[in-house]
C-alpha cells in the first residue's frame, strides 16, 4: 500500500517536514517514492506548500494520506475535509480526540495519597486473657 505522509527533515527541536509518497512498510525517514510538498509548523501561520498536480496524481492512483497529511491536503484545498474523514470511517478507523497536555501532565505528576497510620495488625500485640497467661507459665520444682 502506498501512503502520503510526513518525513521529518529539520534540525533538533526545529522540525520541518516533507510531504512524501512512500510504501507503508518503509520507516518514517526512510525510502520514499516522490516528494509532493513541504510543511513548516514553526512559522506563524504554518507554511504548507504542496504540488497540486503530483498530489492529485498519487491520490488517483490509490495513495492513502495519513491523518496529518489529509489535514494538510484539506487545508490547501486538494481534498475536502469531510472526504478525509469519510475515508477513515469507511476503513473502520476511529480517531479519538487527543487529551490536553495539561491534563496528561497533571495525571503523571500527581502522587497517590497514602495514609500514614500504621496498620493495627502489625503494631498491636495479641491480647491474651489472665487465665491463659497463668496457665502457660509453669515452674519447675527444684531438686
N, C-alpha and C. Protein backbone atom coordinates (compact mmCIF):
# COMPACT_ATOMS: atom_id res chain seq x y z
N UNK A 1 0.85 -1.17 0.00
CA UNK A 1 0.00 0.00 0.00
C UNK A 1 0.89 1.24 0.00
N UNK A 2 0.49 2.24 -0.71
CA UNK A 2 1.24 3.49 -0.83
C UNK A 2 0.55 4.54 0.05
N UNK A 3 1.35 5.25 0.84
CA UNK A 3 0.84 6.27 1.76
C UNK A 3 1.42 7.64 1.41
N UNK A 4 0.64 8.67 1.67
CA UNK A 4 1.13 10.04 1.63
C UNK A 4 1.31 10.43 3.08
N UNK A 5 2.55 10.74 3.46
CA UNK A 5 2.83 11.02 4.86
C UNK A 5 3.96 12.03 5.01
N UNK A 6 4.22 12.41 6.25
CA UNK A 6 5.26 13.40 6.53
C UNK A 6 6.58 12.71 6.82
N UNK A 7 7.65 13.35 6.39
CA UNK A 7 9.02 12.89 6.67
C UNK A 7 9.75 14.05 7.31
N UNK A 8 10.32 13.82 8.49
CA UNK A 8 10.99 14.90 9.21
C UNK A 8 12.37 15.17 8.62
N UNK A 9 12.67 16.46 8.38
CA UNK A 9 13.97 16.83 7.84
C UNK A 9 14.63 17.96 8.63
N UNK A 10 13.97 18.50 9.62
CA UNK A 10 14.51 19.64 10.36
C UNK A 10 15.58 19.27 11.37
N UNK A 11 16.22 20.30 11.91
CA UNK A 11 17.24 20.12 12.94
C UNK A 11 16.57 19.77 14.28
N UNK A 12 17.40 19.51 15.27
CA UNK A 12 16.91 19.16 16.60
C UNK A 12 16.09 20.32 17.17
N UNK A 13 14.89 20.02 17.61
CA UNK A 13 13.95 20.98 18.18
C UNK A 13 13.49 22.05 17.20
N UNK A 14 13.74 21.86 15.90
CA UNK A 14 13.26 22.77 14.86
C UNK A 14 12.71 21.91 13.72
N UNK A 15 11.54 21.32 13.92
CA UNK A 15 11.03 20.39 12.92
C UNK A 15 10.56 21.07 11.65
N UNK A 16 10.88 20.45 10.54
CA UNK A 16 10.32 20.75 9.23
C UNK A 16 10.03 19.41 8.60
N UNK A 17 9.03 19.37 7.77
CA UNK A 17 8.60 18.10 7.20
C UNK A 17 8.47 18.20 5.69
N UNK A 18 8.73 17.09 5.02
CA UNK A 18 8.42 16.95 3.60
C UNK A 18 7.21 16.06 3.49
N UNK A 19 6.32 16.40 2.61
CA UNK A 19 5.16 15.55 2.32
C UNK A 19 5.59 14.60 1.21
N UNK A 20 5.67 13.32 1.53
CA UNK A 20 6.20 12.34 0.59
C UNK A 20 5.20 11.23 0.33
N UNK A 21 5.39 10.57 -0.80
CA UNK A 21 4.65 9.35 -1.13
C UNK A 21 5.62 8.21 -0.88
N UNK A 22 5.22 7.27 0.00
CA UNK A 22 6.12 6.18 0.37
C UNK A 22 5.35 4.89 0.56
N UNK A 23 6.06 3.79 0.49
CA UNK A 23 5.48 2.50 0.81
C UNK A 23 5.15 2.48 2.29
N UNK A 24 4.03 1.88 2.66
CA UNK A 24 3.59 1.88 4.06
C UNK A 24 4.56 1.12 4.96
N UNK A 25 5.34 0.20 4.41
CA UNK A 25 6.27 -0.60 5.21
C UNK A 25 7.59 0.09 5.48
N UNK A 26 7.91 1.15 4.76
CA UNK A 26 9.19 1.83 4.95
C UNK A 26 9.13 2.71 6.20
N UNK A 27 10.27 2.93 6.88
CA UNK A 27 10.27 3.75 8.09
C UNK A 27 9.97 5.22 7.79
N UNK A 28 9.67 5.98 8.85
CA UNK A 28 9.26 7.38 8.70
C UNK A 28 10.24 8.20 7.88
N UNK A 29 11.53 8.10 8.18
CA UNK A 29 12.54 8.88 7.47
C UNK A 29 13.30 8.03 6.47
N UNK A 30 12.71 6.92 6.06
CA UNK A 30 13.39 6.01 5.14
C UNK A 30 13.07 6.30 3.69
N UNK A 31 13.07 5.25 2.89
CA UNK A 31 12.88 5.36 1.45
C UNK A 31 11.50 5.92 1.11
N UNK A 32 11.45 6.69 0.03
CA UNK A 32 10.18 7.24 -0.44
C UNK A 32 10.15 7.20 -1.96
N UNK A 33 8.97 7.38 -2.51
CA UNK A 33 8.79 7.32 -3.96
C UNK A 33 8.89 8.71 -4.58
N UNK A 34 8.21 9.69 -3.97
CA UNK A 34 8.14 11.03 -4.55
C UNK A 34 7.92 12.07 -3.46
N UNK A 35 8.46 13.27 -3.65
CA UNK A 35 8.22 14.40 -2.75
C UNK A 35 7.15 15.27 -3.40
N UNK A 36 6.06 15.53 -2.66
CA UNK A 36 4.99 16.34 -3.25
C UNK A 36 4.82 17.69 -2.56
N UNK A 37 5.59 17.97 -1.49
CA UNK A 37 5.48 19.27 -0.84
C UNK A 37 6.28 19.34 0.43
N UNK A 38 6.12 20.46 1.16
CA UNK A 38 6.78 20.60 2.44
C UNK A 38 5.89 21.38 3.40
N UNK A 39 6.22 21.26 4.72
CA UNK A 39 5.40 21.83 5.79
C UNK A 39 6.31 22.29 6.91
N UNK A 40 6.12 23.54 7.36
CA UNK A 40 6.89 24.08 8.48
C UNK A 40 5.91 24.55 9.55
N UNK A 41 5.81 23.82 10.67
CA UNK A 41 4.85 24.18 11.72
C UNK A 41 5.31 25.34 12.60
N UNK A 42 6.57 25.75 12.52
CA UNK A 42 7.09 26.79 13.42
C UNK A 42 6.79 28.21 12.96
N UNK A 43 6.50 28.41 11.68
CA UNK A 43 6.19 29.76 11.21
C UNK A 43 4.78 30.13 11.63
N UNK A 44 4.50 31.42 11.67
CA UNK A 44 3.16 31.86 12.05
C UNK A 44 2.57 32.70 10.94
N UNK A 45 1.59 32.24 10.19
CA UNK A 45 0.94 30.93 10.25
C UNK A 45 1.83 29.84 9.66
N UNK A 46 1.49 28.59 9.94
CA UNK A 46 2.32 27.48 9.47
C UNK A 46 2.39 27.46 7.94
N UNK A 47 3.56 27.13 7.40
CA UNK A 47 3.79 27.12 5.96
C UNK A 47 3.47 25.75 5.40
N UNK A 48 2.59 25.73 4.39
CA UNK A 48 2.24 24.48 3.70
C UNK A 48 2.34 24.73 2.21
N UNK A 49 3.25 24.02 1.53
CA UNK A 49 3.41 24.14 0.09
C UNK A 49 3.29 22.73 -0.49
N UNK A 50 2.28 22.51 -1.34
CA UNK A 50 2.06 21.19 -1.93
C UNK A 50 1.86 21.35 -3.43
N UNK A 51 2.55 20.51 -4.22
CA UNK A 51 2.36 20.50 -5.67
C UNK A 51 1.03 19.79 -5.94
N UNK A 52 0.05 20.56 -6.35
CA UNK A 52 -1.30 20.03 -6.51
C UNK A 52 -1.37 18.92 -7.55
N UNK A 53 -0.66 19.07 -8.66
CA UNK A 53 -0.69 18.06 -9.72
C UNK A 53 -0.15 16.71 -9.25
N UNK A 54 0.98 16.74 -8.54
CA UNK A 54 1.56 15.50 -8.03
C UNK A 54 0.65 14.85 -6.99
N UNK A 55 0.07 15.69 -6.12
CA UNK A 55 -0.81 15.15 -5.08
C UNK A 55 -2.03 14.48 -5.68
N UNK A 56 -2.66 15.15 -6.64
CA UNK A 56 -3.84 14.55 -7.30
C UNK A 56 -3.47 13.27 -8.04
N UNK A 57 -2.30 13.27 -8.69
CA UNK A 57 -1.83 12.10 -9.42
C UNK A 57 -1.76 10.87 -8.49
N UNK A 58 -1.14 11.05 -7.30
CA UNK A 58 -0.99 9.92 -6.39
C UNK A 58 -2.30 9.54 -5.71
N UNK A 59 -3.16 10.52 -5.44
CA UNK A 59 -4.46 10.21 -4.86
C UNK A 59 -5.32 9.41 -5.84
N UNK A 60 -5.24 9.75 -7.13
CA UNK A 60 -5.98 8.99 -8.15
C UNK A 60 -5.48 7.56 -8.27
N UNK A 61 -4.22 7.34 -7.99
CA UNK A 61 -3.62 6.01 -8.09
C UNK A 61 -3.80 5.20 -6.82
N UNK A 62 -4.51 5.76 -5.82
CA UNK A 62 -4.85 4.98 -4.63
C UNK A 62 -3.99 5.23 -3.41
N UNK A 63 -3.15 6.25 -3.42
CA UNK A 63 -2.33 6.54 -2.25
C UNK A 63 -3.24 7.04 -1.12
N UNK A 64 -3.04 6.51 0.09
CA UNK A 64 -3.86 6.87 1.24
C UNK A 64 -3.11 7.87 2.12
N UNK A 65 -3.66 9.07 2.34
CA UNK A 65 -2.98 10.03 3.22
C UNK A 65 -3.16 9.66 4.69
N UNK A 66 -2.14 9.93 5.49
CA UNK A 66 -2.26 9.76 6.94
C UNK A 66 -3.15 10.88 7.46
N UNK A 67 -3.49 10.85 8.74
CA UNK A 67 -4.38 11.87 9.31
C UNK A 67 -3.81 13.28 9.14
N UNK A 68 -2.54 13.45 9.47
CA UNK A 68 -1.92 14.76 9.38
C UNK A 68 -1.78 15.19 7.92
N UNK A 69 -1.40 14.27 7.06
CA UNK A 69 -1.28 14.60 5.64
C UNK A 69 -2.64 14.97 5.05
N UNK A 70 -3.69 14.28 5.47
CA UNK A 70 -5.04 14.61 4.99
C UNK A 70 -5.46 16.00 5.45
N UNK A 71 -5.09 16.36 6.69
CA UNK A 71 -5.40 17.69 7.19
C UNK A 71 -4.70 18.76 6.37
N UNK A 72 -3.43 18.51 6.02
CA UNK A 72 -2.68 19.48 5.22
C UNK A 72 -3.24 19.57 3.80
N UNK A 73 -3.59 18.43 3.20
CA UNK A 73 -4.17 18.43 1.86
C UNK A 73 -5.51 19.17 1.86
N UNK A 74 -6.29 19.01 2.93
CA UNK A 74 -7.57 19.72 3.02
C UNK A 74 -7.35 21.22 3.22
N UNK A 75 -6.30 21.58 3.96
CA UNK A 75 -6.01 22.99 4.19
C UNK A 75 -5.65 23.70 2.89
N UNK A 76 -4.94 23.01 2.02
CA UNK A 76 -4.56 23.58 0.73
C UNK A 76 -5.73 23.55 -0.25
N UNK A 77 -6.67 22.64 -0.04
CA UNK A 77 -7.84 22.56 -0.90
C UNK A 77 -7.79 21.44 -1.92
N UNK A 78 -6.88 20.50 -1.77
CA UNK A 78 -6.76 19.40 -2.72
C UNK A 78 -7.85 18.36 -2.47
N UNK A 79 -8.11 18.07 -1.22
CA UNK A 79 -9.23 17.18 -0.87
C UNK A 79 -10.11 17.91 0.13
N UNK A 80 -11.35 17.48 0.24
CA UNK A 80 -12.26 18.06 1.22
C UNK A 80 -12.01 17.45 2.59
N UNK A 81 -12.24 18.23 3.63
CA UNK A 81 -12.04 17.72 5.00
C UNK A 81 -12.95 16.53 5.26
N UNK A 82 -14.19 16.63 4.80
CA UNK A 82 -15.12 15.53 5.04
C UNK A 82 -14.70 14.27 4.28
N UNK A 83 -14.07 14.43 3.12
CA UNK A 83 -13.62 13.28 2.35
C UNK A 83 -12.54 12.51 3.10
N UNK A 84 -11.65 13.25 3.74
CA UNK A 84 -10.58 12.61 4.51
C UNK A 84 -11.17 11.83 5.68
N UNK A 85 -12.13 12.41 6.36
CA UNK A 85 -12.76 11.73 7.49
C UNK A 85 -13.60 10.54 7.03
N UNK A 86 -14.32 10.70 5.91
CA UNK A 86 -15.13 9.60 5.40
C UNK A 86 -14.28 8.39 5.04
N UNK A 87 -13.12 8.64 4.47
CA UNK A 87 -12.22 7.54 4.11
C UNK A 87 -11.77 6.76 5.34
N UNK A 88 -11.50 7.44 6.43
CA UNK A 88 -11.09 6.78 7.67
C UNK A 88 -12.27 6.02 8.28
N UNK A 89 -13.46 6.60 8.22
CA UNK A 89 -14.64 5.94 8.78
C UNK A 89 -14.97 4.68 7.99
N UNK A 90 -14.91 4.77 6.66
CA UNK A 90 -15.17 3.60 5.82
C UNK A 90 -14.17 2.48 6.07
N UNK A 91 -12.93 2.86 6.37
CA UNK A 91 -11.90 1.86 6.64
C UNK A 91 -12.06 1.26 8.03
N UNK A 92 -12.96 1.83 8.83
CA UNK A 92 -13.20 1.30 10.17
C UNK A 92 -12.25 1.84 11.21
N UNK A 93 -11.56 2.92 10.90
CA UNK A 93 -10.60 3.51 11.83
C UNK A 93 -11.28 4.67 12.54
N UNK A 94 -11.33 4.60 13.87
CA UNK A 94 -11.89 5.70 14.63
C UNK A 94 -10.77 6.47 15.29
N UNK A 95 -10.83 7.78 15.18
CA UNK A 95 -9.79 8.63 15.74
C UNK A 95 -10.34 9.26 17.00
N UNK A 96 -9.64 9.05 18.13
CA UNK A 96 -10.06 9.63 19.39
C UNK A 96 -9.43 11.02 19.51
N UNK A 97 -10.15 11.98 20.07
CA UNK A 97 -9.54 13.30 20.27
C UNK A 97 -8.43 13.21 21.29
N UNK A 98 -7.38 13.98 21.06
CA UNK A 98 -6.24 13.96 21.96
C UNK A 98 -6.57 14.72 23.23
N UNK A 99 -6.10 14.20 24.37
CA UNK A 99 -6.30 14.87 25.65
C UNK A 99 -5.38 16.08 25.71
N UNK A 100 -5.80 17.08 26.44
CA UNK A 100 -4.95 18.26 26.56
C UNK A 100 -3.69 17.91 27.33
N UNK A 101 -2.61 18.61 27.04
CA UNK A 101 -1.33 18.29 27.67
C UNK A 101 -1.34 18.60 29.16
N UNK A 102 -2.13 19.59 29.58
CA UNK A 102 -2.17 19.92 30.99
C UNK A 102 -2.75 18.75 31.78
N UNK A 103 -3.83 18.16 31.28
CA UNK A 103 -4.44 17.03 31.98
C UNK A 103 -3.50 15.84 31.99
N UNK A 104 -2.84 15.59 30.87
CA UNK A 104 -1.95 14.44 30.79
C UNK A 104 -0.77 14.61 31.74
N UNK A 105 -0.19 15.80 31.79
CA UNK A 105 0.94 16.04 32.67
C UNK A 105 0.52 15.99 34.14
N UNK A 106 -0.67 16.54 34.45
CA UNK A 106 -1.13 16.56 35.83
C UNK A 106 -1.35 15.13 36.33
N UNK A 107 -1.87 14.26 35.49
CA UNK A 107 -2.11 12.89 35.89
C UNK A 107 -0.82 12.13 36.15
N UNK A 108 0.24 12.47 35.45
CA UNK A 108 1.50 11.77 35.62
C UNK A 108 2.24 12.25 36.86
N UNK A 109 2.19 13.54 37.15
CA UNK A 109 2.99 14.09 38.24
C UNK A 109 2.34 13.95 39.61
N UNK A 110 1.03 13.76 39.67
CA UNK A 110 0.37 13.64 40.96
C UNK A 110 0.75 12.32 41.61
N UNK A 111 1.03 12.38 42.91
CA UNK A 111 1.37 11.16 43.64
C UNK A 111 0.12 10.69 44.39
N UNK A 112 -0.09 9.41 44.47
CA UNK A 112 -1.26 8.92 45.19
C UNK A 112 -1.12 9.21 46.68
N UNK A 113 -2.24 9.54 47.30
CA UNK A 113 -2.23 9.84 48.72
C UNK A 113 -2.25 8.54 49.50
N UNK A 114 -1.37 8.45 50.49
CA UNK A 114 -1.34 7.27 51.34
C UNK A 114 -1.57 7.69 52.77
N UNK A 115 -2.22 6.83 53.54
CA UNK A 115 -2.45 7.16 54.94
C UNK A 115 -1.18 6.84 55.71
N UNK A 116 -0.89 7.67 56.70
CA UNK A 116 0.33 7.49 57.48
C UNK A 116 0.07 6.71 58.77
N UNK A 117 -1.15 6.22 58.95
CA UNK A 117 -1.47 5.43 60.14
C UNK A 117 -0.94 4.02 59.93
N UNK A 118 -0.21 3.49 60.91
CA UNK A 118 0.27 2.12 60.77
C UNK A 118 -0.89 1.14 60.90
N UNK A 119 -0.71 0.01 60.28
CA UNK A 119 -1.76 -0.99 60.33
C UNK A 119 -1.84 -1.57 61.73
N UNK A 120 -3.06 -1.84 62.18
CA UNK A 120 -3.28 -2.33 63.54
C UNK A 120 -2.71 -3.72 63.74
N UNK A 121 -2.79 -4.57 62.76
CA UNK A 121 -2.36 -5.95 62.92
C UNK A 121 -0.84 -6.06 63.06
N UNK A 122 -0.10 -5.08 62.59
CA UNK A 122 1.35 -5.15 62.65
C UNK A 122 1.87 -4.62 64.00
N UNK A 123 1.29 -3.54 64.50
CA UNK A 123 1.85 -2.90 65.69
C UNK A 123 1.28 -3.43 66.99
N UNK A 124 0.05 -3.88 67.00
CA UNK A 124 -0.55 -4.35 68.24
C UNK A 124 -0.16 -5.79 68.55
N UNK A 125 0.08 -6.05 69.82
CA UNK A 125 0.38 -7.42 70.23
C UNK A 125 -0.92 -8.15 70.50
N UNK A 126 -0.96 -9.43 70.27
CA UNK A 126 -2.19 -10.16 70.53
C UNK A 126 -2.52 -10.15 72.03
N UNK A 127 -3.78 -9.95 72.31
CA UNK A 127 -4.23 -9.89 73.71
C UNK A 127 -4.53 -11.30 74.20
N UNK A 128 -4.08 -11.58 75.39
CA UNK A 128 -4.38 -12.88 76.00
C UNK A 128 -5.08 -12.63 77.32
N UNK A 129 -5.93 -13.54 77.68
CA UNK A 129 -6.64 -13.39 78.96
C UNK A 129 -5.71 -13.73 80.11
N UNK A 130 -6.09 -13.33 81.31
CA UNK A 130 -5.27 -13.55 82.51
C UNK A 130 -5.12 -15.04 82.79
N UNK A 131 -6.17 -15.82 82.55
CA UNK A 131 -6.14 -17.26 82.82
C UNK A 131 -5.17 -17.96 81.87
N UNK A 132 -5.17 -17.56 80.59
CA UNK A 132 -4.28 -18.18 79.62
C UNK A 132 -2.82 -17.89 79.95
N UNK A 133 -2.55 -16.66 80.41
CA UNK A 133 -1.17 -16.32 80.72
C UNK A 133 -0.67 -17.08 81.95
N UNK A 134 -1.54 -17.28 82.95
CA UNK A 134 -1.13 -18.02 84.14
C UNK A 134 -0.97 -19.50 83.83
N UNK A 135 -1.82 -20.04 83.00
CA UNK A 135 -1.77 -21.46 82.67
C UNK A 135 -0.54 -21.76 81.83
N UNK A 136 -0.11 -20.80 81.03
CA UNK A 136 1.04 -21.01 80.17
C UNK A 136 2.35 -21.00 80.93
N UNK A 137 2.41 -20.37 82.12
CA UNK A 137 3.65 -20.28 82.87
C UNK A 137 3.69 -21.44 83.89
N UNK A 138 4.67 -22.24 83.77
CA UNK A 138 4.84 -23.35 84.71
C UNK A 138 6.24 -23.28 85.30
N UNK A 139 6.32 -23.53 86.60
CA UNK A 139 7.62 -23.51 87.24
C UNK A 139 8.08 -24.94 87.48
N UNK A 140 9.31 -25.14 87.25
CA UNK A 140 9.86 -26.47 87.51
C UNK A 140 10.28 -26.56 88.99
N UNK A 141 10.01 -27.67 89.62
CA UNK A 141 10.41 -27.82 91.02
C UNK A 141 11.91 -27.95 91.15
N UNK A 142 12.43 -27.45 92.26
CA UNK A 142 13.86 -27.54 92.49
C UNK A 142 14.21 -28.91 93.02
N UNK A 143 15.29 -29.46 92.66
CA UNK A 143 15.69 -30.80 93.13
C UNK A 143 16.85 -30.78 94.07
